[in-house]
């Protein structure tokens, strides 16, 4: 039986390329839309020897973080020329251009982010940082962008086009605040039939802040599929199986993470090929499933899974009819989850064992899952 070997570096690259396809392009925003600052982003590699695979991942994370920070943003294709990026940013009505350069050494990435004022092509701030190409990269980029945002906010008065927006908003704020002030004539006590009547004012109703976990979704429904690679004694005569599954659960928020308690149902279809006997086999498993997802607020999250229950085993040796049995099973693994609000995608890496009396059927299941959270 052939084996597929996937190196650690290739696995990490695969995960981030999937995140690129999921995050996609962020809508184009400009300053005249809701008064928000428009930021364009262009990503480049510093040298020819730097891996071109890292650029699209960095570009996608930057676009996502800018959008989450409240900016209107646009991401240009990777390796777009700097002058072309300035022209496109100006044509799109963008206020700022963020030029992201990177170099690589093995799995380490050195980043330099330069923020320019588009109308004048003037450099406002430049920030450098470094990190490993793994699940912590979005945190490194977020910290660098926070430094840039803080520095740019301190220079708003010096930027002509942005200063106009601030000045135009001030009269609206003063006009909106005027009705709050009471009329000095009406505020004085009035005398009616010899009695002093104090003026009545309607108290302001305080605006309740949105609950911190208002966006947290408690119910989850997931559908997944993976191949089943048998290991141990079973690998000598079991073929690669096919394993679709369905999962539903209730999610509890624990700090920045979530814990999901749910039910699992799956089917494992495979064939056993011996010297004299071959059989078609079917395992229908159902049981409890506990899942822990770390850092709900991040784009990429690491998850852990533990499940167990009973499986209904059906064996058809040499097409002589099915023989059945009920066997216990246990499963565990980890996942890389890509959060997109109500929809989530995940890469799962599970290890499952079915405890049949004559043999323990064990195997490794790398697969994908799509989730709907309500």
Foldseek 3Di string as FASTA:
>chain_A
DDDDDDDPVNVLLVVLVVLLVVLDWAAADACVPVNAAEEEEEEEEDDPPADPSVGSSVQSLLRVLCVVVPHGYGYDPYPDDPVVSLVVCVVSRHQKYWYWYWGDDVQKIKIKIWIAGSVVRHTQDIDIDMDGSHQCVSVRSNVRVVVVVVSVVVCQCVRVVSVVSVVVVVVVVVVVCVVVDDDPVQQDWDADPNDTDGDDDDDDDDDDDDDPCPLPFFKKKKKKWWWWQWDDPQNVFKDIKIKIKIKIWTWDDDPQKIKTKTKIWMKIWIKGDDPVKIKTKIKIDIWIKIKIWPRNPGQKIKMKIKIWDKIWMWIQIPNPGTDIDIWIKIKIWMWIWGDDRQKIKIWIWMWMWTCDPVDITITIITIMMMMGTD
